Amino acid sequence: MAEETARDMNGIVGSHDLLLVTLDTLRYDVAEELAGAGRLPNLARALPGGRWQRRHSPGSFTYAAHAALLAGFLPTPAEPGPHPRLFAAAFPGSETTAGGTWVFDAPDLPGGLAQAGYHTVCVGGVGFFNKLTPLGAALPGLFAESHWDPAFGVTSPTSFEAQIECAERAVARVDGPVFLFVNVSALHQPNWFHLPGATREHGDSRESHAAALEYVDRHIGRLFALMSARRPGFAIVCSDHGTAYGEDGYTGHRIGHEVVWTVPYGEFTMERGQWR
């Protein structure tokens, strides 16, 4: 937490490539359990102290949470505040805009970063980013460049690898600073196929959710390498919301349950060439 509160984003925006990864539906308890057990070696290498911060989501399902995230309202530390924000739109009377906050004069973070000279790229995952409907095009429409393919979606066992390949192609075409956003669909149901030996009949479970996170960890180092290859990078990796697997009779999300509101969060800088 000390690293977060001391961070001055005014010294990072402009000098660093920026990466925002949302691990869609990832629960805090599962993420922390796996990190503590040594089952997330790449994320543990990146996260300060090798562990996740416990935070509260700004929304209980993908669209609501991302509308807030992409306006600068990142998950809030799960302890009394107020908590200074990293990014904030210019807003009179804001109690969470501090000296280290990067303030932008736009309705959303991608638009603010575009004004600061960043090329903004969205690699979508779940249906709210599929661009197949007006609603599915709303969030991707905030970015200068956006991509979605069925191979990136929730039904693909290799979705994250396909998303990374798309991100690598997109960033390779840009000379200046980049803001890359990736919505990772692998954790979202269905995820049973990530658990060895599971079949469709077994269905999704907390265990398959964990196996999906291990799958993501095996490949996420490629994203970190990509976003620190040309200049220093700054990364935020978090969940947009959690999901229930039968707790108190609940299944899924868009509900006010602890496992939905409590999410893992990590932020860190990357030196140029640190990830190879």
C-alpha atoms as a PDB file:
ATOM      1  CA  MET A   1       0.000   0.000   0.000  1.00  0.00           C
ATOM      2  CA  ALA A   2       2.878   2.388   0.694  1.00  0.00           C
ATOM      3  CA  GLU A   3       3.984   2.165  -2.935  1.00  0.00           C
ATOM      4  CA  GLU A   4       0.485   3.122  -4.087  1.00  0.00           C
ATOM      5  CA  THR A   5       0.050   6.181  -1.892  1.00  0.00           C
ATOM      6  CA  ALA A   6       3.522   7.531  -2.732  1.00  0.00           C
ATOM      7  CA  ARG A   7       3.153   7.107  -6.487  1.00  0.00           C
ATOM      8  CA  ASP A   8       3.153  10.252  -8.621  1.00  0.00           C
ATOM      9  CA  MET A   9       1.367   9.451 -11.862  1.00  0.00           C
ATOM     10  CA  ASN A  10       2.368  12.820 -13.305  1.00  0.00           C
ATOM     11  CA  GLY A  11       5.881  11.431 -13.629  1.00  0.00           C
ATOM     12  CA  ILE A  12       4.677   8.208 -15.246  1.00  0.00           C
ATOM     13  CA  VAL A  13       2.163   9.397 -17.823  1.00  0.00           C
ATOM     14  CA  GLY A  14       4.197  10.458 -20.845  1.00  0.00           C
ATOM     15  CA  SER A  15       7.341   8.540 -19.952  1.00  0.00           C
ATOM     16  CA  HIS A  16       5.899   4.998 -19.653  1.00  0.00           C
ATOM     17  CA  ASP A  17       3.808   2.707 -21.775  1.00  0.00           C
ATOM     18  CA  LEU A  18       0.623   1.924 -19.830  1.00  0.00           C
ATOM     19  CA  LEU A  19      -1.071  -1.458 -19.418  1.00  0.00           C
ATOM     20  CA  LEU A  20      -4.465  -2.161 -17.831  1.00  0.00           C
ATOM     21  CA  VAL A  21      -5.453  -5.822 -17.574  1.00  0.00           C
ATOM     22  CA  THR A  22      -8.836  -6.808 -16.166  1.00  0.00           C
ATOM     23  CA  LEU A  23      -9.084 -10.473 -15.218  1.00  0.00           C
ATOM     24  CA  ASP A  24     -12.820 -10.717 -15.735  1.00  0.00           C
ATOM     25  CA  THR A  25     -14.732 -12.244 -12.753  1.00  0.00           C
ATOM     26  CA  LEU A  26     -11.578 -13.147 -10.787  1.00  0.00           C
ATOM     27  CA  ARG A  27     -12.323 -13.561  -7.078  1.00  0.00           C
ATOM     28  CA  TYR A  28      -9.974 -12.136  -4.473  1.00  0.00           C
ATOM     29  CA  ASP A  29      -9.980 -15.253  -2.293  1.00  0.00           C
ATOM     30  CA  VAL A  30      -8.976 -17.513  -5.166  1.00  0.00           C
ATOM     31  CA  ALA A  31      -6.312 -15.110  -6.441  1.00  0.00           C
ATOM     32  CA  GLU A  32      -4.754 -14.664  -2.997  1.00  0.00           C
ATOM     33  CA  GLU A  33      -4.915 -18.376  -2.215  1.00  0.00           C
ATOM     34  CA  LEU A  34      -3.026 -19.252  -5.391  1.00  0.00           C
ATOM     35  CA  ALA A  35      -0.447 -16.505  -4.897  1.00  0.00           C
ATOM     36  CA  GLY A  36       0.184 -17.661  -1.336  1.00  0.00           C
ATOM     37  CA  ALA A  37       0.616 -21.251  -2.493  1.00  0.00           C
ATOM     38  CA  GLY A  38       3.187 -20.334  -5.137  1.00  0.00           C
ATOM     39  CA  ARG A  39       0.887 -21.239  -8.006  1.00  0.00           C
ATOM     40  CA  LEU A  40       1.181 -17.869  -9.802  1.00  0.00           C
ATOM     41  CA  PRO A  41       4.925 -17.487 -10.407  1.00  0.00           C
ATOM     42  CA  ASN A  42       4.709 -14.809 -13.103  1.00  0.00           C
ATOM     43  CA  LEU A  43       2.154 -12.653 -11.331  1.00  0.00           C
ATOM     44  CA  ALA A  44       3.995 -13.075  -8.041  1.00  0.00           C
ATOM     45  CA  ARG A  45       7.178 -11.848  -9.706  1.00  0.00           C
ATOM     46  CA  ALA A  46       5.352  -8.722 -10.851  1.00  0.00           C
ATOM     47  CA  LEU A  47       3.114  -7.895  -7.881  1.00  0.00           C
ATOM     48  CA  PRO A  48       4.699  -5.854  -5.068  1.00  0.00           C
ATOM     49  CA  GLY A  49       5.642  -8.346  -2.364  1.00  0.00           C
ATOM     50  CA  GLY A  50       4.291 -11.126  -4.559  1.00  0.00           C
ATOM     51  CA  ARG A  51       0.745 -10.629  -3.243  1.00  0.00           C
ATOM     52  CA  TRP A  52      -2.508  -9.013  -4.276  1.00  0.00           C
ATOM     53  CA  GLN A  53      -4.104  -5.998  -2.656  1.00  0.00           C
ATOM     54  CA  ARG A  54      -7.649  -6.570  -1.359  1.00  0.00           C
ATOM     55  CA  ARG A  55      -9.967  -4.015  -2.918  1.00  0.00           C
ATOM     56  CA  HIS A  56     -13.639  -3.297  -3.617  1.00  0.00           C
ATOM     57  CA  SER A  57     -14.968  -3.166  -7.155  1.00  0.00           C
ATOM     58  CA  PRO A  58     -16.834  -0.105  -8.470  1.00  0.00           C
ATOM     59  CA  GLY A  59     -19.433  -2.440 -10.025  1.00  0.00           C
ATOM     60  CA  SER A  60     -20.896  -5.920  -9.695  1.00  0.00           C
ATOM     61  CA  PHE A  61     -20.767  -6.890 -13.377  1.00  0.00           C
ATOM     62  CA  THR A  62     -18.575  -6.212 -16.392  1.00  0.00           C
ATOM     63  CA  TYR A  63     -20.273  -3.236 -18.019  1.00  0.00           C
ATOM     64  CA  ALA A  64     -20.823  -1.263 -14.814  1.00  0.00           C
ATOM     65  CA  ALA A  65     -17.339  -1.968 -13.481  1.00  0.00           C
ATOM     66  CA  HIS A  66     -15.584  -1.090 -16.734  1.00  0.00           C
ATOM     67  CA  ALA A  67     -17.567   2.114 -17.230  1.00  0.00           C
ATOM     68  CA  ALA A  68     -16.084   3.186 -13.889  1.00  0.00           C
ATOM     69  CA  LEU A  69     -12.593   1.770 -14.450  1.00  0.00           C
ATOM     70  CA  LEU A  70     -12.253   3.490 -17.802  1.00  0.00           C
ATOM     71  CA  ALA A  71     -13.238   6.787 -16.199  1.00  0.00           C
ATOM     72  CA  GLY A  72     -10.390   6.426 -13.672  1.00  0.00           C
ATOM     73  CA  PHE A  73     -12.336   4.852 -10.800  1.00  0.00           C
ATOM     74  CA  LEU A  74     -10.118   1.846 -10.128  1.00  0.00           C
ATOM     75  CA  PRO A  75     -11.011  -0.669  -7.384  1.00  0.00           C
ATOM     76  CA  THR A  76     -10.896   1.015  -3.979  1.00  0.00           C
ATOM     77  CA  PRO A  77      -8.695  -0.298  -1.131  1.00  0.00           C
ATOM     78  CA  ALA A  78     -10.877  -2.300   1.251  1.00  0.00           C
ATOM     79  CA  GLU A  79     -10.227  -0.072   4.247  1.00  0.00           C
ATOM     80  CA  PRO A  80     -11.470   3.373   5.339  1.00  0.00           C
ATOM     81  CA  GLY A  81     -10.432   6.219   3.064  1.00  0.00           C
ATOM     82  CA  PRO A  82     -10.510   8.534   1.277  1.00  0.00           C
ATOM     83  CA  HIS A  83      -8.009   6.932  -1.096  1.00  0.00           C
ATOM     84  CA  PRO A  84      -6.197   9.131  -3.648  1.00  0.00           C
ATOM     85  CA  ARG A  85      -6.723   7.950  -7.201  1.00  0.00           C
ATOM     86  CA  LEU A  86      -4.077   7.375  -9.860  1.00  0.00           C
ATOM     87  CA  PHE A  87      -6.183   8.938 -12.631  1.00  0.00           C
ATOM     88  CA  ALA A  88      -9.074  11.364 -12.387  1.00  0.00           C
ATOM     89  CA  ALA A  89     -11.139  13.433 -14.754  1.00  0.00           C
ATOM     90  CA  ALA A  90     -11.186  17.122 -13.887  1.00  0.00           C
ATOM     91  CA  PHE A  91     -14.078  17.400 -11.437  1.00  0.00           C
ATOM     92  CA  PRO A  92     -14.656  20.256  -8.983  1.00  0.00           C
ATOM     93  CA  GLY A  93     -14.713  19.140  -5.362  1.00  0.00           C
ATOM     94  CA  SER A  94     -13.251  15.665  -5.941  1.00  0.00           C
ATOM     95  CA  GLU A  95     -12.043  14.307  -2.591  1.00  0.00           C
ATOM     96  CA  THR A  96      -9.892  11.564  -4.148  1.00  0.00           C
ATOM     97  CA  THR A  97      -7.849  13.768  -6.497  1.00  0.00           C
ATOM     98  CA  ALA A  98      -4.454  14.391  -4.895  1.00  0.00           C
ATOM     99  CA  GLY A  99      -1.104  15.846  -5.880  1.00  0.00           C
ATOM    100  CA  GLY A 100       0.072  12.589  -7.428  1.00  0.00           C
ATOM    101  CA  THR A 101      -3.144  12.050  -9.399  1.00  0.00           C
ATOM    102  CA  TRP A 102      -2.879  12.475 -13.167  1.00  0.00           C
ATOM    103  CA  VAL A 103      -5.843  14.676 -14.034  1.00  0.00           C
ATOM    104  CA  PHE A 104      -7.347  14.652 -17.521  1.00  0.00           C
ATOM    105  CA  ASP A 105      -9.898  16.918 -19.176  1.00  0.00           C
ATOM    106  CA  ALA A 106     -11.987  14.276 -20.916  1.00  0.00           C
ATOM    107  CA  PRO A 107     -14.963  12.083 -19.974  1.00  0.00           C
ATOM    108  CA  ASP A 108     -12.895   8.892 -19.960  1.00  0.00           C
ATOM    109  CA  LEU A 109      -9.330   7.727 -19.375  1.00  0.00           C
ATOM    110  CA  PRO A 110      -8.597   6.550 -22.956  1.00  0.00           C
ATOM    111  CA  GLY A 111      -9.706   9.936 -24.242  1.00  0.00           C
ATOM    112  CA  GLY A 112      -7.566  11.753 -21.710  1.00  0.00           C
ATOM    113  CA  LEU A 113      -4.519   9.660 -22.568  1.00  0.00           C
ATOM    114  CA  ALA A 114      -5.109  10.216 -26.282  1.00  0.00           C
ATOM    115  CA  GLN A 115      -4.943  13.967 -25.628  1.00  0.00           C
ATOM    116  CA  ALA A 116      -1.595  13.324 -23.906  1.00  0.00           C
ATOM    117  CA  GLY A 117      -0.199  11.644 -27.025  1.00  0.00           C
ATOM    118  CA  TYR A 118      -0.973   7.986 -26.315  1.00  0.00           C
ATOM    119  CA  HIS A 119      -2.263   5.570 -28.906  1.00  0.00           C
ATOM    120  CA  THR A 120      -5.056   3.694 -27.136  1.00  0.00           C
ATOM    121  CA  VAL A 121      -5.695   0.016 -27.877  1.00  0.00           C
ATOM    122  CA  CYS A 122      -8.467  -2.269 -26.595  1.00  0.00           C
ATOM    123  CA  VAL A 123      -8.266  -6.055 -26.897  1.00  0.00           C
ATOM    124  CA  GLY A 124     -11.673  -7.278 -25.799  1.00  0.00           C
ATOM    125  CA  GLY A 125     -12.696 -10.543 -24.217  1.00  0.00           C
ATOM    126  CA  VAL A 126     -16.213 -10.998 -22.853  1.00  0.00           C
ATOM    127  CA  GLY A 127     -19.379 -10.050 -24.722  1.00  0.00           C
ATOM    128  CA  PHE A 128     -19.432  -6.393 -23.665  1.00  0.00           C
ATOM    129  CA  PHE A 129     -16.396  -5.911 -25.926  1.00  0.00           C
ATOM    130  CA  ASN A 130     -17.463  -7.991 -28.944  1.00  0.00           C
ATOM    131  CA  LYS A 131     -18.587  -5.017 -31.116  1.00  0.00           C
ATOM    132  CA  LEU A 132     -21.425  -7.155 -32.509  1.00  0.00           C
ATOM    133  CA  THR A 133     -24.137  -4.886 -31.081  1.00  0.00           C
ATOM    134  CA  PRO A 134     -24.371  -1.194 -30.166  1.00  0.00           C
ATOM    135  CA  LEU A 135     -23.910  -2.135 -26.481  1.00  0.00           C
ATOM    136  CA  GLY A 136     -20.960  -4.384 -27.304  1.00  0.00           C
ATOM    137  CA  ALA A 137     -19.354  -1.496 -29.191  1.00  0.00           C
ATOM    138  CA  ALA A 138     -19.774   1.148 -26.466  1.00  0.00           C
ATOM    139  CA  LEU A 139     -16.696   0.375 -24.347  1.00  0.00           C
ATOM    140  CA  PRO A 140     -14.393  -0.477 -27.293  1.00  0.00           C
ATOM    141  CA  GLY A 141     -15.514   2.797 -28.866  1.00  0.00           C
ATOM    142  CA  LEU A 142     -13.597   4.720 -26.200  1.00  0.00           C
ATOM    143  CA  PHE A 143     -10.321   3.592 -27.812  1.00  0.00           C
ATOM    144  CA  ALA A 144      -8.589   4.679 -31.012  1.00  0.00           C
ATOM    145  CA  GLU A 145      -8.106   1.022 -31.928  1.00  0.00           C
ATOM    146  CA  SER A 146     -10.130  -1.961 -30.742  1.00  0.00           C
ATOM    147  CA  HIS A 147     -10.125  -5.672 -31.498  1.00  0.00           C
ATOM    148  CA  TRP A 148     -12.380  -8.629 -30.803  1.00  0.00           C
ATOM    149  CA  ASP A 149     -12.629 -12.112 -32.272  1.00  0.00           C
ATOM    150  CA  PRO A 150     -14.488 -15.264 -31.192  1.00  0.00           C
ATOM    151  CA  ALA A 151     -11.050 -16.699 -30.406  1.00  0.00           C
ATOM    152  CA  PHE A 152     -10.776 -14.083 -27.626  1.00  0.00           C
ATOM    153  CA  GLY A 153     -14.113 -15.022 -26.063  1.00  0.00           C
ATOM    154  CA  VAL A 154     -15.297 -17.039 -23.089  1.00  0.00           C
ATOM    155  CA  THR A 155     -15.758 -20.317 -24.985  1.00  0.00           C
ATOM    156  CA  SER A 156     -12.166 -20.542 -26.235  1.00  0.00           C
ATOM    157  CA  PRO A 157      -9.705 -22.618 -24.165  1.00  0.00           C
ATOM    158  CA  THR A 158      -6.843 -20.591 -25.714  1.00  0.00           C
ATOM    159  CA  SER A 159      -8.448 -17.148 -25.486  1.00  0.00           C
ATOM    160  CA  PHE A 160      -5.632 -15.416 -23.636  1.00  0.00           C
ATOM    161  CA  GLU A 161      -2.940 -16.591 -26.029  1.00  0.00           C
ATOM    162  CA  ALA A 162      -5.000 -15.268 -28.943  1.00  0.00           C
ATOM    163  CA  GLN A 163      -5.490 -11.938 -27.172  1.00  0.00           C
ATOM    164  CA  ILE A 164      -1.763 -11.579 -26.522  1.00  0.00           C
ATOM    165  CA  GLU A 165      -0.948 -12.282 -30.163  1.00  0.00           C
ATOM    166  CA  CYS A 166      -3.395  -9.548 -31.193  1.00  0.00           C
ATOM    167  CA  ALA A 167      -1.866  -7.112 -28.683  1.00  0.00           C
ATOM    168  CA  GLU A 168       1.643  -7.859 -29.955  1.00  0.00           C
ATOM    169  CA  ARG A 169       0.590  -7.080 -33.533  1.00  0.00           C
ATOM    170  CA  ALA A 170      -1.149  -3.867 -32.510  1.00  0.00           C
ATOM    171  CA  VAL A 171       1.710  -2.489 -30.411  1.00  0.00           C
ATOM    172  CA  ALA A 172       4.264  -3.337 -33.104  1.00  0.00           C
ATOM    173  CA  ARG A 173       2.531  -0.874 -35.443  1.00  0.00           C
ATOM    174  CA  VAL A 174       2.915   2.089 -33.056  1.00  0.00           C
ATOM    175  CA  ASP A 175       5.979   4.301 -32.631  1.00  0.00           C
ATOM    176  CA  GLY A 176       4.844   6.501 -29.745  1.00  0.00           C
ATOM    177  CA  PRO A 177       3.523   5.738 -26.265  1.00  0.00           C
ATOM    178  CA  VAL A 178       0.750   3.160 -25.948  1.00  0.00           C
ATOM    179  CA  PHE A 179      -2.103   2.604 -23.527  1.00  0.00           C
ATOM    180  CA  LEU A 180      -3.066  -1.064 -23.894  1.00  0.00           C
ATOM    181  CA  PHE A 181      -6.209  -2.408 -22.279  1.00  0.00           C
ATOM    182  CA  VAL A 182      -6.891  -6.168 -22.239  1.00  0.00           C
ATOM    183  CA  ASN A 183     -10.104  -7.664 -20.878  1.00  0.00           C
ATOM    184  CA  VAL A 184      -9.175 -11.286 -20.129  1.00  0.00           C
ATOM    185  CA  SER A 185     -12.133 -13.633 -20.617  1.00  0.00           C
ATOM    186  CA  ALA A 186     -10.513 -16.891 -19.459  1.00  0.00           C
ATOM    187  CA  LEU A 187     -11.765 -16.702 -15.844  1.00  0.00           C
ATOM    188  CA  HIS A 188     -15.381 -16.098 -16.878  1.00  0.00           C
ATOM    189  CA  GLN A 189     -17.773 -19.007 -17.192  1.00  0.00           C
ATOM    190  CA  PRO A 190     -17.514 -21.402 -18.928  1.00  0.00           C
ATOM    191  CA  ASN A 191     -14.099 -22.231 -17.466  1.00  0.00           C
ATOM    192  CA  TRP A 192     -14.430 -25.955 -16.738  1.00  0.00           C
ATOM    193  CA  PHE A 193     -12.117 -26.806 -19.662  1.00  0.00           C
ATOM    194  CA  HIS A 194      -9.123 -25.302 -17.834  1.00  0.00           C
ATOM    195  CA  LEU A 195      -9.333 -27.940 -15.075  1.00  0.00           C
ATOM    196  CA  PRO A 196      -7.466 -31.130 -16.056  1.00  0.00           C
ATOM    197  CA  GLY A 197      -9.829 -34.076 -16.368  1.00  0.00           C
ATOM    198  CA  ALA A 198     -13.005 -31.985 -16.196  1.00  0.00           C
ATOM    199  CA  THR A 199     -15.831 -32.377 -18.705  1.00  0.00           C
ATOM    200  CA  ARG A 200     -18.764 -30.187 -19.653  1.00  0.00           C
ATOM    201  CA  GLU A 201     -20.920 -32.309 -17.364  1.00  0.00           C
ATOM    202  CA  HIS A 202     -18.769 -31.332 -14.374  1.00  0.00           C
ATOM    203  CA  GLY A 203     -19.568 -27.673 -15.029  1.00  0.00           C
ATOM    204  CA  ASP A 204     -17.722 -24.670 -13.647  1.00  0.00           C
ATOM    205  CA  SER A 205     -16.436 -24.551 -10.090  1.00  0.00           C
ATOM    206  CA  ARG A 206     -14.142 -22.635  -7.796  1.00  0.00           C
ATOM    207  CA  GLU A 207     -11.457 -25.175  -8.762  1.00  0.00           C
ATOM    208  CA  SER A 208     -11.850 -24.577 -12.506  1.00  0.00           C
ATOM    209  CA  HIS A 209     -11.836 -20.827 -11.824  1.00  0.00           C
ATOM    210  CA  ALA A 210      -8.462 -21.316 -10.111  1.00  0.00           C
ATOM    211  CA  ALA A 211      -7.187 -23.441 -12.977  1.00  0.00           C
ATOM    212  CA  ALA A 212      -8.130 -20.669 -15.394  1.00  0.00           C
ATOM    213  CA  LEU A 213      -6.055 -18.209 -13.384  1.00  0.00           C
ATOM    214  CA  GLU A 214      -3.074 -20.563 -13.546  1.00  0.00           C
ATOM    215  CA  TYR A 215      -3.549 -20.684 -17.324  1.00  0.00           C
ATOM    216  CA  VAL A 216      -3.457 -16.887 -17.465  1.00  0.00           C
ATOM    217  CA  ASP A 217      -0.346 -16.777 -15.284  1.00  0.00           C
ATOM    218  CA  ARG A 218       1.506 -19.083 -17.665  1.00  0.00           C
ATOM    219  CA  HIS A 219       1.208 -16.515 -20.451  1.00  0.00           C
ATOM    220  CA  ILE A 220       0.907 -13.066 -18.858  1.00  0.00           C
ATOM    221  CA  GLY A 221       4.657 -12.493 -18.842  1.00  0.00           C
ATOM    222  CA  ARG A 222       4.393 -11.936 -22.607  1.00  0.00           C
ATOM    223  CA  LEU A 223       2.172  -8.896 -21.976  1.00  0.00           C
ATOM    224  CA  PHE A 224       4.607  -7.513 -19.422  1.00  0.00           C
ATOM    225  CA  ALA A 225       7.493  -8.025 -21.847  1.00  0.00           C
ATOM    226  CA  LEU A 226       5.544  -6.333 -24.641  1.00  0.00           C
ATOM    227  CA  MET A 227       4.748  -3.264 -22.563  1.00  0.00           C
ATOM    228  CA  SER A 228       8.286  -2.764 -21.276  1.00  0.00           C
ATOM    229  CA  ALA A 229      10.217  -3.517 -24.459  1.00  0.00           C
ATOM    230  CA  ARG A 230      10.418   0.006 -25.913  1.00  0.00           C
ATOM    231  CA  ARG A 231      10.295   2.205 -22.801  1.00  0.00           C
ATOM    232  CA  PRO A 232       9.512   1.700 -19.117  1.00  0.00           C
ATOM    233  CA  GLY A 233       6.045   0.355 -18.441  1.00  0.00           C
ATOM    234  CA  PHE A 234       3.401   0.848 -15.788  1.00  0.00           C
ATOM    235  CA  ALA A 235       0.866  -1.935 -15.284  1.00  0.00           C
ATOM    236  CA  ILE A 236      -2.398  -2.359 -13.418  1.00  0.00           C
ATOM    237  CA  VAL A 237      -3.707  -5.918 -13.132  1.00  0.00           C
ATOM    238  CA  CYS A 238      -7.014  -6.375 -11.378  1.00  0.00           C
ATOM    239  CA  SER A 239     -10.428  -7.980 -11.459  1.00  0.00           C
ATOM    240  CA  ASP A 240     -13.516  -6.050 -12.468  1.00  0.00           C
ATOM    241  CA  HIS A 241     -15.693  -8.070 -10.048  1.00  0.00           C
ATOM    242  CA  GLY A 242     -15.830 -11.551  -8.559  1.00  0.00           C
ATOM    243  CA  THR A 243     -18.372 -14.311  -9.051  1.00  0.00           C
ATOM    244  CA  ALA A 244     -20.209 -16.768  -6.819  1.00  0.00           C
ATOM    245  CA  TYR A 245     -20.029 -20.556  -6.989  1.00  0.00           C
ATOM    246  CA  GLY A 246     -22.866 -21.413  -4.638  1.00  0.00           C
ATOM    247  CA  GLU A 247     -21.971 -19.265  -1.633  1.00  0.00           C
ATOM    248  CA  ASP A 248     -25.171 -18.600   0.350  1.00  0.00           C
ATOM    249  CA  GLY A 249     -27.098 -20.081  -2.557  1.00  0.00           C
ATOM    250  CA  TYR A 250     -25.812 -17.562  -5.102  1.00  0.00           C
ATOM    251  CA  THR A 251     -24.255 -18.327  -8.481  1.00  0.00           C
ATOM    252  CA  GLY A 252     -22.740 -15.756 -10.820  1.00  0.00           C
ATOM    253  CA  HIS A 253     -22.483 -11.998 -10.354  1.00  0.00           C
ATOM    254  CA  ARG A 254     -24.505  -8.756 -10.673  1.00  0.00           C
ATOM    255  CA  ILE A 255     -25.372  -9.373  -7.045  1.00  0.00           C
ATOM    256  CA  GLY A 256     -24.294  -7.678  -3.806  1.00  0.00           C
ATOM    257  CA  HIS A 257     -22.281 -10.544  -2.306  1.00  0.00           C
ATOM    258  CA  GLU A 258     -18.847 -10.336  -0.687  1.00  0.00           C
ATOM    259  CA  VAL A 259     -17.267 -12.674  -3.248  1.00  0.00           C
ATOM    260  CA  VAL A 260     -18.478 -10.357  -6.023  1.00  0.00           C
ATOM    261  CA  TRP A 261     -17.518  -6.985  -4.501  1.00  0.00           C
ATOM    262  CA  THR A 262     -14.071  -8.021  -3.218  1.00  0.00           C
ATOM    263  CA  VAL A 263     -11.412  -8.149  -5.932  1.00  0.00           C
ATOM    264  CA  PRO A 264      -7.630  -8.575  -6.302  1.00  0.00           C
ATOM    265  CA  TYR A 265      -5.569  -5.621  -7.461  1.00  0.00           C
ATOM    266  CA  GLY A 266      -1.927  -4.972  -8.277  1.00  0.00           C
ATOM    267  CA  GLU A 267       0.021  -2.070  -9.770  1.00  0.00           C
ATOM    268  CA  PHE A 268       3.718  -1.867 -10.572  1.00  0.00           C
ATOM    269  CA  THR A 269       6.335  -0.264 -12.783  1.00  0.00           C
ATOM    270  CA  MET A 270       8.521  -2.236 -15.186  1.00  0.00           C
ATOM    271  CA  GLU A 271      11.982  -1.184 -16.230  1.00  0.00           C
ATOM    272  CA  ARG A 272      12.715  -1.252 -19.926  1.00  0.00           C
ATOM    273  CA  GLY A 273      13.730  -4.792 -20.916  1.00  0.00           C
ATOM    274  CA  GLN A 274      12.979  -6.169 -17.443  1.00  0.00           C
ATOM    275  CA  TRP A 275      10.727  -8.913 -18.853  1.00  0.00           C
ATOM    276  CA  ARG A 276      12.303 -11.055 -21.541  1.00  0.00           C
END
